[in-house]
N, C-alpha and C. Protein backbone atom coordinates (compact mmCIF):
# COMPACT_ATOMS: atom_id res chain seq x y z
N MET A 1 -9.94 9.63 2.75
CA MET A 1 -8.97 10.48 3.04
C MET A 1 -7.90 9.51 3.20
N ALA A 2 -6.70 9.89 2.92
CA ALA A 2 -5.40 9.44 2.78
C ALA A 2 -5.04 9.72 4.19
N SER A 3 -4.26 8.29 5.14
CA SER A 3 -3.89 8.29 6.31
C SER A 3 -2.29 8.41 6.34
N GLU A 4 -1.56 8.49 7.82
CA GLU A 4 -0.32 9.00 7.70
C GLU A 4 0.30 7.95 7.82
N LEU A 5 1.82 7.51 7.13
CA LEU A 5 1.82 6.36 7.44
C LEU A 5 3.28 6.92 7.79
N PHE A 6 4.08 7.90 7.97
CA PHE A 6 4.83 7.95 8.83
C PHE A 6 5.36 9.65 8.89
N ASN A 7 5.73 10.05 10.17
CA ASN A 7 5.82 11.42 10.14
C ASN A 7 7.30 11.65 10.83
N LEU A 8 8.14 11.92 10.28
CA LEU A 8 9.59 12.27 10.57
C LEU A 8 9.70 13.49 11.07
N VAL A 9 10.43 13.94 12.29
CA VAL A 9 10.33 15.35 13.04
C VAL A 9 12.09 15.39 13.10
N ASP A 10 12.84 16.23 12.80
CA ASP A 10 14.30 16.27 13.28
C ASP A 10 14.83 14.95 13.33
N GLU A 11 14.83 14.30 12.32
CA GLU A 11 15.17 12.79 12.11
C GLU A 11 16.74 12.78 12.04
N LYS A 12 17.71 11.91 12.83
CA LYS A 12 18.81 12.27 13.00
C LYS A 12 19.67 10.84 12.83
N VAL A 13 20.30 10.13 11.96
CA VAL A 13 20.87 8.74 12.13
C VAL A 13 22.50 8.97 11.98
N ALA A 14 23.36 8.48 12.65
CA ALA A 14 24.52 8.59 12.73
C ALA A 14 25.43 7.09 12.81
N TYR A 15 26.39 7.07 12.30
CA TYR A 15 27.04 5.73 12.11
C TYR A 15 28.34 5.99 12.98
N LYS A 16 28.99 6.09 14.04
CA LYS A 16 30.12 5.81 14.73
C LYS A 16 29.79 7.95 14.59
N THR A 17 31.58 8.45 14.22
CA THR A 17 30.94 9.83 13.86
C THR A 17 30.59 10.15 13.22
N LYS A 18 30.09 9.81 11.72
CA LYS A 18 29.39 10.39 11.13
C LYS A 18 28.19 10.32 10.81
N ILE A 19 27.83 11.46 10.41
CA ILE A 19 26.27 11.48 10.51
C ILE A 19 25.43 11.28 8.88
N ALA A 20 24.57 10.44 8.98
CA ALA A 20 24.18 10.17 7.73
C ALA A 20 22.67 10.74 7.26
N LEU A 21 22.10 11.12 8.24
CA LEU A 21 21.16 11.92 7.82
C LEU A 21 21.04 13.05 9.23
N GLN A 22 20.05 14.58 9.02
CA GLN A 22 20.18 15.00 9.89
C GLN A 22 19.26 15.93 9.20
N GLN A 23 18.01 16.37 10.24
CA GLN A 23 17.17 17.21 10.51
C GLN A 23 16.10 17.12 9.56
N ILE A 24 15.71 15.65 9.21
CA ILE A 24 15.10 15.29 8.48
C ILE A 24 13.67 15.45 8.89
N THR A 25 12.65 16.45 8.54
CA THR A 25 11.33 16.18 8.75
C THR A 25 10.60 15.89 7.33
N LEU A 26 9.54 14.89 7.51
CA LEU A 26 8.90 14.46 6.18
C LEU A 26 7.77 14.11 6.81
N LYS A 27 6.37 13.97 6.09
CA LYS A 27 5.39 13.50 6.67
C LYS A 27 4.80 12.46 5.22
N ILE A 28 4.73 10.96 5.32
CA ILE A 28 4.19 10.43 4.11
C ILE A 28 3.18 9.81 4.31
N GLU A 29 2.17 9.74 3.71
CA GLU A 29 1.02 9.49 3.54
C GLU A 29 0.57 8.16 2.88
N ARG A 30 0.07 7.39 3.40
CA ARG A 30 -0.44 5.82 2.36
C ARG A 30 -0.92 6.18 0.79
N GLY A 31 -0.33 5.47 0.12
CA GLY A 31 -1.13 5.62 -1.37
C GLY A 31 0.37 6.77 -2.11
N GLU A 32 0.84 7.60 -1.33
CA GLU A 32 1.39 7.97 -2.00
C GLU A 32 3.05 7.52 -2.79
N LYS A 33 3.68 7.94 -4.10
CA LYS A 33 4.30 7.08 -4.83
C LYS A 33 5.60 8.54 -5.21
N ILE A 34 6.91 7.85 -4.33
CA ILE A 34 8.07 9.12 -4.42
C ILE A 34 8.93 8.46 -4.44
N ALA A 35 9.58 9.41 -5.05
CA ALA A 35 11.46 9.35 -5.79
C ALA A 35 11.95 9.98 -4.62
N LEU A 36 13.32 9.18 -4.29
CA LEU A 36 14.30 9.79 -3.56
C LEU A 36 15.51 10.17 -4.64
N ILE A 37 15.82 11.10 -4.79
CA ILE A 37 16.96 11.35 -5.72
C ILE A 37 18.11 12.24 -4.99
N GLY A 38 19.50 12.12 -5.84
CA GLY A 38 20.43 13.23 -4.93
C GLY A 38 22.05 12.59 -5.00
N PRO A 39 22.65 13.22 -5.29
CA PRO A 39 24.45 12.92 -5.36
C PRO A 39 24.32 11.12 -4.53
N SER A 40 25.76 10.81 -4.85
CA SER A 40 26.18 9.61 -4.39
C SER A 40 26.51 9.71 -2.99
N GLY A 41 25.51 9.28 -2.05
CA GLY A 41 26.09 9.57 -0.34
C GLY A 41 25.27 10.55 0.22
N SER A 42 24.34 10.52 -0.19
CA SER A 42 23.35 11.89 0.19
C SER A 42 22.47 11.75 1.08
N GLY A 43 22.22 10.08 1.22
CA GLY A 43 21.47 9.70 2.30
C GLY A 43 20.66 8.71 1.87
N LYS A 44 20.27 8.73 0.91
CA LYS A 44 18.81 7.98 0.04
C LYS A 44 18.69 6.54 0.82
N THR A 45 20.32 5.69 0.77
CA THR A 45 19.84 4.29 1.41
C THR A 45 19.30 4.46 2.58
N THR A 46 20.30 5.51 3.64
CA THR A 46 19.93 5.39 5.06
C THR A 46 18.71 5.90 5.43
N LEU A 47 17.95 6.79 4.36
CA LEU A 47 16.28 7.28 4.59
C LEU A 47 15.46 5.87 4.37
N LEU A 48 16.22 4.90 3.60
CA LEU A 48 15.16 3.96 3.04
C LEU A 48 15.40 2.76 4.37
N TYR A 49 16.25 2.70 4.85
CA TYR A 49 16.52 1.78 6.02
C TYR A 49 15.79 2.44 7.32
N CYS A 50 15.73 3.62 7.43
CA CYS A 50 14.94 4.58 8.66
C CYS A 50 13.55 4.24 8.28
N LEU A 51 12.69 4.11 7.82
CA LEU A 51 11.84 4.14 7.14
C LEU A 51 11.17 2.76 7.37
N HIS A 52 12.19 1.67 6.67
CA HIS A 52 12.00 0.28 6.57
C HIS A 52 11.68 -0.08 8.33
N GLU A 53 12.64 0.27 9.16
CA GLU A 53 12.86 -0.14 10.63
C GLU A 53 11.69 0.92 11.36
N LYS A 54 10.98 1.71 10.92
CA LYS A 54 10.11 2.35 11.56
C LYS A 54 8.71 1.42 11.11
N ASN A 55 8.54 1.36 9.99
CA ASN A 55 7.40 0.51 9.35
C ASN A 55 7.22 -0.72 10.33
N GLN A 56 8.45 -1.12 10.87
CA GLN A 56 8.13 -2.31 11.26
C GLN A 56 8.19 -2.64 12.72
N SER A 57 8.54 -1.84 13.38
CA SER A 57 8.48 -1.14 14.84
C SER A 57 7.05 -0.63 15.18
N GLN A 58 6.58 0.37 14.10
CA GLN A 58 4.75 0.64 14.05
C GLN A 58 3.93 0.31 13.71
N ASN A 59 4.12 -0.72 12.54
CA ASN A 59 3.46 -1.10 11.88
C ASN A 59 3.81 -2.78 11.96
N PRO A 60 4.02 -3.47 12.76
CA PRO A 60 4.01 -4.96 12.71
C PRO A 60 3.46 -6.10 11.84
N ASN A 61 2.33 -5.66 11.71
CA ASN A 61 1.38 -6.61 11.08
C ASN A 61 0.68 -5.95 9.56
N ASP A 62 1.71 -4.33 9.09
CA ASP A 62 1.24 -4.00 7.67
C ASP A 62 2.32 -4.71 6.73
N GLU A 63 2.10 -5.53 5.99
CA GLU A 63 2.88 -6.03 4.94
C GLU A 63 3.53 -5.13 4.21
N SER A 64 4.63 -5.00 4.14
CA SER A 64 5.82 -4.17 3.39
C SER A 64 6.84 -5.34 2.58
N VAL A 65 7.67 -4.86 1.58
CA VAL A 65 8.69 -5.06 1.20
C VAL A 65 9.89 -4.34 0.89
N PHE A 66 11.23 -4.57 0.67
CA PHE A 66 12.27 -3.68 0.90
C PHE A 66 13.17 -4.82 -0.14
N VAL A 67 13.42 -4.19 -1.46
CA VAL A 67 14.12 -4.29 -2.33
C VAL A 67 15.55 -3.63 -1.53
N HIS A 68 16.73 -4.21 -1.62
CA HIS A 68 18.03 -3.31 -0.95
C HIS A 68 19.02 -4.03 -2.73
N GLN A 69 19.93 -2.75 -2.43
CA GLN A 69 21.14 -2.84 -3.58
C GLN A 69 21.61 -4.41 -3.42
N ASP A 70 21.82 -4.86 -2.20
CA ASP A 70 22.51 -6.25 -2.32
C ASP A 70 21.36 -7.30 -2.54
N TYR A 71 20.97 -7.88 -3.62
CA TYR A 71 19.84 -8.38 -4.12
C TYR A 71 19.47 -9.63 -2.54
N ALA A 72 20.61 -9.97 -2.26
CA ALA A 72 20.19 -11.36 -0.81
C ALA A 72 19.61 -12.43 -1.65
N LEU A 73 20.15 -12.79 -2.72
CA LEU A 73 19.84 -13.89 -3.64
C LEU A 73 19.97 -15.24 -2.75
N VAL A 74 19.97 -16.46 -3.16
CA VAL A 74 20.82 -17.69 -3.14
C VAL A 74 21.30 -18.13 -4.30
N PRO A 75 22.53 -18.05 -4.70
CA PRO A 75 22.96 -18.35 -5.78
C PRO A 75 22.63 -19.79 -6.59
N GLN A 76 23.21 -20.67 -5.35
CA GLN A 76 22.82 -22.29 -5.88
C GLN A 76 21.39 -22.61 -6.11
N LEU A 77 20.28 -21.71 -5.86
CA LEU A 77 19.29 -22.04 -5.80
C LEU A 77 18.57 -21.67 -7.54
N SER A 78 17.40 -22.09 -8.00
CA SER A 78 16.77 -21.90 -8.82
C SER A 78 16.07 -20.20 -8.95
N VAL A 79 15.65 -19.45 -10.10
CA VAL A 79 14.80 -18.28 -9.80
C VAL A 79 13.47 -18.85 -9.74
N PHE A 80 13.04 -19.67 -9.71
CA PHE A 80 11.42 -20.33 -8.94
C PHE A 80 11.84 -20.32 -7.09
N HIS A 81 13.08 -21.04 -6.57
CA HIS A 81 13.30 -21.36 -5.45
C HIS A 81 13.46 -19.77 -5.19
N ASN A 82 14.24 -18.79 -5.67
CA ASN A 82 14.53 -17.41 -4.88
C ASN A 82 13.02 -16.38 -4.69
N VAL A 83 12.44 -16.72 -5.63
CA VAL A 83 10.98 -15.84 -5.60
C VAL A 83 10.40 -16.36 -4.65
N TYR A 84 10.04 -17.82 -4.77
CA TYR A 84 9.03 -18.55 -3.75
C TYR A 84 9.65 -18.04 -1.73
N ILE A 85 10.43 -17.69 -1.91
CA ILE A 85 11.40 -17.42 -0.67
C ILE A 85 10.74 -16.08 -0.12
N GLY A 86 10.34 -15.48 -0.96
CA GLY A 86 9.61 -14.51 -0.79
C GLY A 86 8.22 -14.24 0.43
N ARG A 87 7.83 -15.67 0.28
CA ARG A 87 6.37 -16.05 0.99
C ARG A 87 6.80 -16.88 1.95
N LEU A 88 8.04 -17.27 2.54
CA LEU A 88 8.63 -18.50 3.15
C LEU A 88 7.60 -18.37 4.78
N ASP A 89 7.89 -17.20 5.23
CA ASP A 89 7.20 -16.94 6.54
C ASP A 89 5.69 -17.38 6.35
N ARG A 90 4.95 -16.98 5.46
CA ARG A 90 3.47 -16.88 5.28
C ARG A 90 2.96 -18.47 5.51
N ASN A 91 3.72 -19.67 4.92
CA ASN A 91 3.36 -20.54 5.01
C ASN A 91 3.72 -21.63 5.85
N SER A 92 3.11 -23.12 6.13
CA SER A 92 3.55 -23.84 7.14
C SER A 92 4.66 -24.55 6.54
N VAL A 93 5.39 -24.87 7.52
CA VAL A 93 7.16 -25.79 7.07
C VAL A 93 6.80 -27.17 6.15
N GLY A 94 5.36 -27.50 6.41
CA GLY A 94 4.99 -28.60 5.54
C GLY A 94 5.05 -28.35 3.90
N THR A 95 4.33 -26.94 4.05
CA THR A 95 3.54 -26.45 2.64
C THR A 95 4.67 -25.60 2.15
N ASN A 96 5.97 -25.31 2.43
CA ASN A 96 6.91 -25.02 2.14
C ASN A 96 7.96 -26.07 1.75
N LEU A 97 7.94 -27.05 2.41
CA LEU A 97 8.87 -28.27 1.82
C LEU A 97 8.08 -28.59 0.63
N LYS A 98 6.85 -28.94 0.68
CA LYS A 98 6.11 -29.07 -0.81
C LYS A 98 6.68 -28.47 -1.85
N ASN A 99 5.93 -27.42 -2.00
CA ASN A 99 6.36 -26.13 -2.80
C ASN A 99 8.12 -26.29 -3.30
N LEU A 100 8.77 -26.60 -2.53
CA LEU A 100 10.23 -26.61 -2.80
C LEU A 100 10.86 -27.34 -3.61
N VAL A 101 10.23 -28.74 -3.12
CA VAL A 101 10.52 -30.09 -3.48
C VAL A 101 9.31 -30.28 -4.92
N TRP A 102 8.40 -29.95 -4.56
CA TRP A 102 7.63 -30.55 -5.84
C TRP A 102 6.38 -29.25 -5.68
N PRO A 103 6.68 -28.53 -6.57
CA PRO A 103 5.75 -26.82 -6.73
C PRO A 103 4.20 -27.33 -6.93
N GLN A 104 3.17 -26.68 -5.79
CA GLN A 104 1.81 -26.89 -6.74
C GLN A 104 1.37 -26.18 -7.77
N SER A 105 0.90 -26.48 -8.70
CA SER A 105 0.35 -25.75 -9.88
C SER A 105 0.10 -24.46 -9.78
N LYS A 106 -0.45 -24.43 -8.45
CA LYS A 106 -1.14 -22.92 -8.42
C LYS A 106 -0.09 -21.96 -8.10
N VAL A 107 0.96 -22.58 -7.30
CA VAL A 107 2.22 -21.59 -6.92
C VAL A 107 2.78 -21.06 -8.16
N ARG A 108 3.17 -22.44 -8.92
CA ARG A 108 3.91 -22.12 -9.89
C ARG A 108 3.68 -21.16 -11.07
N ALA A 109 2.33 -21.39 -11.28
CA ALA A 109 1.52 -20.28 -12.29
C ALA A 109 1.53 -19.15 -11.80
N GLU A 110 1.42 -18.97 -10.06
CA GLU A 110 1.47 -17.42 -9.51
C GLU A 110 2.68 -16.72 -9.72
N ILE A 111 4.30 -17.31 -9.75
CA ILE A 111 5.34 -16.82 -9.79
C ILE A 111 5.82 -16.72 -11.25
N GLU A 112 4.78 -17.91 -12.21
CA GLU A 112 5.00 -17.53 -13.43
C GLU A 112 4.66 -16.67 -14.31
N SER A 113 3.44 -15.89 -13.24
CA SER A 113 3.24 -14.87 -13.99
C SER A 113 3.78 -13.70 -13.61
N VAL A 114 4.33 -13.47 -12.42
CA VAL A 114 5.39 -12.39 -11.87
C VAL A 114 6.34 -12.10 -12.75
N LEU A 115 6.91 -13.68 -13.25
CA LEU A 115 8.53 -13.71 -13.94
C LEU A 115 8.00 -13.24 -15.69
N LYS A 116 6.82 -13.80 -16.11
CA LYS A 116 6.54 -13.07 -17.26
C LYS A 116 6.31 -11.75 -17.45
N ASP A 117 5.72 -10.89 -16.55
CA ASP A 117 5.99 -9.44 -16.61
C ASP A 117 7.24 -9.03 -16.43
N LEU A 118 8.58 -9.48 -16.20
CA LEU A 118 9.67 -9.30 -15.86
C LEU A 118 10.89 -9.82 -16.91
N ASP A 119 10.11 -10.66 -17.90
CA ASP A 119 11.16 -11.28 -19.09
C ASP A 119 11.71 -12.25 -18.40
N LEU A 120 11.64 -13.41 -17.46
CA LEU A 120 12.09 -14.00 -16.87
C LEU A 120 11.85 -15.33 -16.93
N VAL A 121 10.55 -15.69 -17.29
CA VAL A 121 9.94 -17.25 -17.56
C VAL A 121 10.78 -18.12 -18.15
N GLU A 122 11.54 -17.77 -19.04
CA GLU A 122 12.71 -18.94 -19.58
C GLU A 122 13.39 -19.15 -18.47
N GLN A 123 13.91 -18.24 -17.57
CA GLN A 123 14.98 -18.77 -16.60
C GLN A 123 14.53 -19.21 -15.40
N ILE A 124 13.14 -19.32 -15.15
CA ILE A 124 12.75 -20.01 -14.12
C ILE A 124 13.38 -21.23 -13.25
N ASN A 125 13.63 -22.08 -13.90
CA ASN A 125 14.61 -23.32 -13.22
C ASN A 125 16.17 -22.77 -13.54
N GLN A 126 16.50 -21.65 -13.82
CA GLN A 126 17.97 -21.73 -13.88
C GLN A 126 18.57 -21.55 -12.81
N ARG A 127 19.88 -21.61 -12.35
CA ARG A 127 20.42 -21.18 -11.02
C ARG A 127 20.57 -19.82 -11.21
N VAL A 128 20.54 -18.93 -10.09
CA VAL A 128 20.51 -17.49 -9.94
C VAL A 128 21.92 -17.23 -10.24
N GLY A 129 22.86 -18.13 -9.43
CA GLY A 129 24.36 -17.53 -9.53
C GLY A 129 24.74 -17.45 -11.61
N THR A 130 24.09 -18.21 -12.10
CA THR A 130 24.27 -18.28 -13.48
C THR A 130 23.98 -17.11 -14.25
N LEU A 131 22.96 -15.99 -13.92
CA LEU A 131 22.28 -15.23 -14.13
C LEU A 131 23.21 -13.96 -14.27
N SER A 132 22.56 -12.93 -15.33
CA SER A 132 23.53 -11.58 -15.71
C SER A 132 23.35 -10.58 -14.47
N GLY A 133 23.73 -9.66 -13.96
CA GLY A 133 23.49 -8.61 -13.18
C GLY A 133 21.97 -8.14 -13.37
N GLY A 134 22.06 -7.87 -14.77
CA GLY A 134 20.25 -7.52 -14.60
C GLY A 134 19.27 -8.15 -14.29
N GLN A 135 19.23 -9.45 -14.56
CA GLN A 135 18.36 -10.75 -14.19
C GLN A 135 18.21 -11.10 -13.16
N GLN A 136 19.41 -11.04 -12.07
CA GLN A 136 19.35 -11.05 -10.68
C GLN A 136 18.65 -10.11 -10.15
N GLN A 137 18.88 -8.46 -10.82
CA GLN A 137 18.43 -8.07 -9.87
C GLN A 137 16.51 -7.65 -10.25
N ARG A 138 16.43 -8.34 -11.67
CA ARG A 138 14.60 -8.56 -11.51
C ARG A 138 14.23 -9.61 -10.98
N THR A 139 15.14 -10.64 -10.66
CA THR A 139 14.88 -11.78 -9.94
C THR A 139 14.64 -11.25 -8.50
N ALA A 140 15.35 -10.31 -8.00
CA ALA A 140 14.74 -9.82 -6.48
C ALA A 140 13.74 -8.83 -6.78
N ILE A 141 13.50 -8.45 -7.67
CA ILE A 141 12.14 -7.45 -7.53
C ILE A 141 11.14 -8.61 -8.30
N ALA A 142 11.01 -9.61 -8.55
CA ALA A 142 10.00 -10.58 -8.93
C ALA A 142 9.84 -11.22 -7.24
N ARG A 143 10.40 -11.41 -6.68
CA ARG A 143 10.62 -11.96 -5.23
C ARG A 143 9.58 -11.01 -4.15
N ALA A 144 9.87 -9.66 -4.61
CA ALA A 144 9.48 -8.67 -3.69
C ALA A 144 7.77 -8.62 -4.35
N VAL A 145 7.45 -8.41 -5.59
CA VAL A 145 6.33 -8.17 -6.06
C VAL A 145 5.75 -9.74 -5.56
N TYR A 146 6.26 -11.01 -5.70
CA TYR A 146 5.51 -12.19 -5.25
C TYR A 146 5.06 -12.16 -4.01
N ARG A 147 5.91 -11.47 -3.19
CA ARG A 147 5.61 -11.49 -1.37
C ARG A 147 4.33 -10.43 -1.28
N GLY A 148 4.46 -9.49 -1.93
CA GLY A 148 3.21 -8.18 -2.00
C GLY A 148 3.23 -7.67 -1.16
N GLY A 149 2.51 -6.75 -0.62
CA GLY A 149 2.49 -5.78 0.52
C GLY A 149 1.82 -4.23 0.05
N ARG A 150 1.44 -3.92 1.47
CA ARG A 150 0.87 -2.37 0.99
C ARG A 150 2.05 -1.18 1.03
N LEU A 151 3.43 -1.24 0.91
CA LEU A 151 4.77 -0.67 1.08
C LEU A 151 5.55 -1.45 0.07
N PHE A 152 5.91 -0.77 -0.70
CA PHE A 152 7.35 -0.80 -1.59
C PHE A 152 8.39 -0.33 -1.00
N LEU A 153 9.57 -0.72 -0.56
CA LEU A 153 10.78 0.26 -0.39
C LEU A 153 11.64 -0.39 -1.25
N ALA A 154 12.39 0.61 -2.17
CA ALA A 154 12.95 -0.03 -3.13
C ALA A 154 14.29 0.86 -2.99
N ASP A 155 15.76 0.01 -3.37
CA ASP A 155 17.03 0.85 -3.06
C ASP A 155 17.14 0.59 -4.43
N GLU A 156 17.41 1.95 -5.61
CA GLU A 156 17.75 1.54 -6.75
C GLU A 156 17.35 0.34 -7.79
N PRO A 157 16.12 0.23 -7.61
CA PRO A 157 15.62 -0.98 -7.80
C PRO A 157 16.00 -1.58 -9.66
N VAL A 158 16.39 -0.44 -10.72
CA VAL A 158 16.39 -0.55 -11.84
C VAL A 158 18.17 -0.06 -12.27
N ALA A 159 19.00 -0.29 -11.04
CA ALA A 159 20.27 0.27 -11.56
C ALA A 159 21.38 -0.21 -12.49
N SER A 160 20.72 -2.12 -12.54
CA SER A 160 21.73 -2.71 -13.34
C SER A 160 20.66 -3.17 -14.38
N ILE A 161 19.94 -2.49 -14.90
CA ILE A 161 18.74 -2.99 -15.76
C ILE A 161 18.83 -1.97 -17.24
N ASP A 162 18.58 -2.19 -18.70
CA ASP A 162 18.73 -1.37 -19.77
C ASP A 162 17.23 -0.18 -19.60
N ILE A 163 17.10 0.52 -20.20
CA ILE A 163 16.10 1.46 -19.99
C ILE A 163 14.79 0.43 -20.17
N GLN A 164 14.73 0.06 -21.39
CA GLN A 164 13.72 -0.57 -21.89
C GLN A 164 12.74 -1.84 -20.45
N GLN A 165 13.94 -2.30 -19.94
CA GLN A 165 13.67 -3.46 -18.92
C GLN A 165 13.21 -2.51 -17.39
N ALA A 166 13.92 -1.43 -17.76
CA ALA A 166 13.56 -0.49 -16.46
C ALA A 166 12.45 -0.13 -16.33
N GLU A 167 11.61 0.50 -17.63
CA GLU A 167 10.40 0.92 -18.01
C GLU A 167 9.34 -0.19 -17.23
N THR A 168 9.74 -1.61 -17.72
CA THR A 168 9.12 -2.50 -17.36
C THR A 168 8.81 -2.70 -16.16
N VAL A 169 10.02 -2.73 -15.05
CA VAL A 169 10.07 -3.01 -13.85
C VAL A 169 9.43 -1.79 -12.95
N LEU A 170 9.26 -0.71 -13.21
CA LEU A 170 9.23 0.71 -12.73
C LEU A 170 7.65 0.64 -12.79
N ASP A 171 7.34 0.00 -13.97
CA ASP A 171 5.88 -0.08 -14.19
C ASP A 171 5.29 -1.25 -13.26
N LEU A 172 5.37 -2.12 -13.19
CA LEU A 172 5.14 -3.10 -12.08
C LEU A 172 4.99 -2.41 -10.82
N ILE A 173 6.33 -2.06 -10.14
CA ILE A 173 6.48 -1.82 -8.89
C ILE A 173 5.51 -0.37 -8.56
N PHE A 174 5.62 0.59 -9.27
CA PHE A 174 4.32 1.71 -9.50
C PHE A 174 3.13 1.28 -9.17
N GLY A 175 3.00 0.28 -10.50
CA GLY A 175 1.53 0.10 -10.55
C GLY A 175 0.97 -0.97 -9.47
N ARG A 176 1.55 -1.70 -9.35
CA ARG A 176 0.68 -2.63 -8.36
C ARG A 176 0.75 -2.71 -6.66
N THR A 177 1.67 -1.69 -6.19
CA THR A 177 1.56 -1.52 -4.64
C THR A 177 0.83 -0.06 -4.08
N GLU A 178 0.40 -0.17 -3.26
CA GLU A 178 -0.62 1.16 -2.82
C GLU A 178 0.65 2.41 -2.67
N THR A 179 1.76 1.89 -1.96
CA THR A 179 2.46 2.96 -1.46
C THR A 179 3.66 2.69 -1.96
N VAL A 180 4.85 3.25 -2.79
CA VAL A 180 5.89 3.30 -3.13
C VAL A 180 7.20 4.34 -2.73
N ILE A 181 7.99 3.68 -2.23
CA ILE A 181 9.10 4.73 -1.69
C ILE A 181 10.12 4.41 -2.61
N ALA A 182 11.08 4.77 -3.55
CA ALA A 182 12.33 4.09 -4.34
C ALA A 182 13.13 5.40 -4.34
N SER A 183 14.37 4.42 -4.23
CA SER A 183 15.52 5.78 -4.75
C SER A 183 15.88 5.71 -6.18
N LEU A 184 15.98 6.19 -6.77
CA LEU A 184 16.44 6.32 -8.34
C LEU A 184 17.61 7.41 -8.62
N HIS A 185 18.69 6.77 -9.64
CA HIS A 185 19.42 7.47 -10.07
C HIS A 185 19.20 8.31 -11.40
N ALA A 186 18.43 7.74 -12.17
CA ALA A 186 17.69 8.41 -13.37
C ALA A 186 16.64 9.34 -12.83
N VAL A 187 16.96 10.72 -13.23
CA VAL A 187 16.04 11.46 -12.83
C VAL A 187 14.61 11.51 -13.96
N ASN A 188 14.90 11.24 -14.91
CA ASN A 188 13.83 10.90 -15.84
C ASN A 188 12.72 10.24 -15.43
N PHE A 189 13.04 8.98 -14.70
CA PHE A 189 12.54 7.98 -14.55
C PHE A 189 11.18 8.27 -12.91
N ALA A 190 12.31 9.05 -12.20
CA ALA A 190 11.66 10.01 -11.16
C ALA A 190 10.37 10.79 -11.35
N ARG A 191 10.69 11.44 -12.75
CA ARG A 191 9.49 12.13 -13.33
C ARG A 191 8.81 11.97 -13.60
N GLN A 192 8.44 10.66 -14.27
CA GLN A 192 7.83 9.85 -15.15
C GLN A 192 7.15 8.76 -14.46
N TYR A 193 7.60 8.51 -12.76
CA TYR A 193 6.61 7.57 -12.31
C TYR A 193 6.37 7.81 -10.96
N ALA A 194 6.77 8.75 -10.23
CA ALA A 194 6.73 9.64 -9.02
C ALA A 194 5.50 10.67 -9.37
N HIS A 195 5.14 10.76 -7.75
CA HIS A 195 4.38 11.99 -7.71
C HIS A 195 4.90 12.93 -6.93
N ARG A 196 5.91 12.35 -6.35
CA ARG A 196 6.73 13.42 -5.56
C ARG A 196 7.95 13.11 -5.60
N ILE A 197 8.64 14.01 -5.33
CA ILE A 197 10.23 13.82 -5.08
C ILE A 197 10.70 14.61 -4.19
N ILE A 198 11.35 13.80 -3.57
CA ILE A 198 12.54 14.27 -2.21
C ILE A 198 13.66 14.11 -2.90
N GLY A 199 14.59 15.20 -2.51
CA GLY A 199 16.06 15.43 -3.31
C GLY A 199 16.69 15.87 -2.04
N LEU A 200 17.81 14.70 -1.80
CA LEU A 200 18.57 14.85 -0.81
C LEU A 200 20.01 15.17 -0.85
N ARG A 201 20.65 15.92 -0.22
CA ARG A 201 21.85 16.58 -0.22
C ARG A 201 22.71 16.64 0.76
N GLN A 202 23.65 15.85 1.22
CA GLN A 202 24.45 15.49 2.26
C GLN A 202 23.90 15.32 3.60
N GLY A 203 22.97 14.36 3.61
CA GLY A 203 22.12 14.21 4.89
C GLY A 203 21.27 14.95 5.32
N ARG A 204 20.47 15.49 4.08
CA ARG A 204 19.41 16.67 4.57
C ARG A 204 18.58 16.80 3.30
N VAL A 205 17.10 17.24 3.63
CA VAL A 205 16.46 17.10 2.49
C VAL A 205 16.43 18.46 1.72
N PHE A 206 17.10 18.58 0.25
CA PHE A 206 17.36 19.73 -0.13
C PHE A 206 15.90 20.45 -0.99
N PHE A 207 14.96 19.63 -1.18
CA PHE A 207 13.75 19.78 -1.67
C PHE A 207 13.05 18.91 -1.65
N ASP A 208 11.50 19.09 -1.03
CA ASP A 208 10.54 18.16 -1.48
C ASP A 208 9.49 18.62 -2.19
N SER A 209 8.74 18.48 -3.34
CA SER A 209 7.72 19.04 -3.97
C SER A 209 7.50 17.84 -5.08
N PRO A 210 6.07 17.90 -5.38
CA PRO A 210 5.46 17.39 -6.59
C PRO A 210 6.23 17.28 -7.49
N SER A 211 6.34 16.10 -8.17
CA SER A 211 7.14 15.72 -9.64
C SER A 211 7.27 17.10 -10.49
N LYS A 212 6.08 17.37 -11.04
CA LYS A 212 5.47 18.57 -12.00
C LYS A 212 6.20 19.42 -11.42
N GLU A 213 6.50 19.93 -10.33
CA GLU A 213 7.33 21.24 -9.97
C GLU A 213 8.49 21.16 -9.63
N VAL A 214 9.15 20.03 -9.90
CA VAL A 214 10.67 19.89 -9.75
C VAL A 214 11.44 20.72 -11.12
N THR A 215 12.02 21.58 -11.01
CA THR A 215 12.39 22.35 -12.06
C THR A 215 13.75 21.60 -12.59
N ASP A 216 14.47 22.10 -13.72
CA ASP A 216 15.86 22.00 -14.27
C ASP A 216 16.55 22.64 -13.29
N ASP A 217 16.69 24.11 -12.98
CA ASP A 217 17.24 24.93 -11.90
C ASP A 217 17.54 24.02 -10.67
N MET A 218 16.05 23.62 -9.93
CA MET A 218 16.12 22.27 -8.74
C MET A 218 17.36 21.58 -8.46
N LEU A 219 17.11 20.71 -9.85
CA LEU A 219 17.92 19.83 -10.18
C LEU A 219 19.69 20.07 -10.29
N ASN A 220 19.57 21.39 -11.05
CA ASN A 220 21.17 21.91 -10.99
C ASN A 220 21.67 21.49 -10.06
N LYS A 221 21.02 22.74 -9.13
CA LYS A 221 21.41 23.22 -7.51
C LYS A 221 21.94 21.59 -6.87
N LEU A 222 20.53 20.89 -6.80
CA LEU A 222 20.97 19.50 -6.05
C LEU A 222 22.20 19.10 -6.66
N TYR A 223 22.66 18.98 -7.47
CA TYR A 223 23.77 18.03 -7.94
C TYR A 223 24.57 18.77 -8.59
N HIS A 224 24.91 20.31 -8.18
CA HIS A 224 25.83 21.24 -8.13
C HIS A 224 26.35 20.91 -9.68
N ARG A 225 25.72 20.88 -11.12
CA ARG A 225 25.66 21.18 -12.22
C ARG A 225 26.22 22.49 -12.35
């Protein structure tokens, strides 16, 4: 039986005088694959940050990753080093120094395996600052996948990636992690990969349904088409 991961009741988030989320009531269980959709400014990013903060406070020992729209990469470092940074806090200072200067074969093989899945192996020694926007986004995804965890939060993880590569990235994210909550701009990807879709509009839950039950009429109303 699935265990409860989040239970939000009338959650409200405000920044100074602006209300970003209001009357958010949601239950999320472990093992769910959820897509957040909605117009720009509807509260998707704020909800992800809210869930991330709650998970850190309620489940401090529960490994999780959060891929932001700001990739938080170090442009002067290589793809390898940026991906390795994902596990810095899990190793000793000595181990980190050794792998950053002269990577152990096991560590390099693990990172190469992730990069291969994301078509980035050839760029492993390339400085991130020289990569395209799509390659940088895939590097951020690689770092999160390499870190690993039971919960994967992602804010528009394929926004800068072409369709074919986007499917590869989403296959990896939704296939490897126990629980996934991701905001997605493309509704077709939400339907394809998520079991549950939450539509947000003006900081409120507009609908919350199994993906198979989300109709075109619901989407038209969500986006005011």
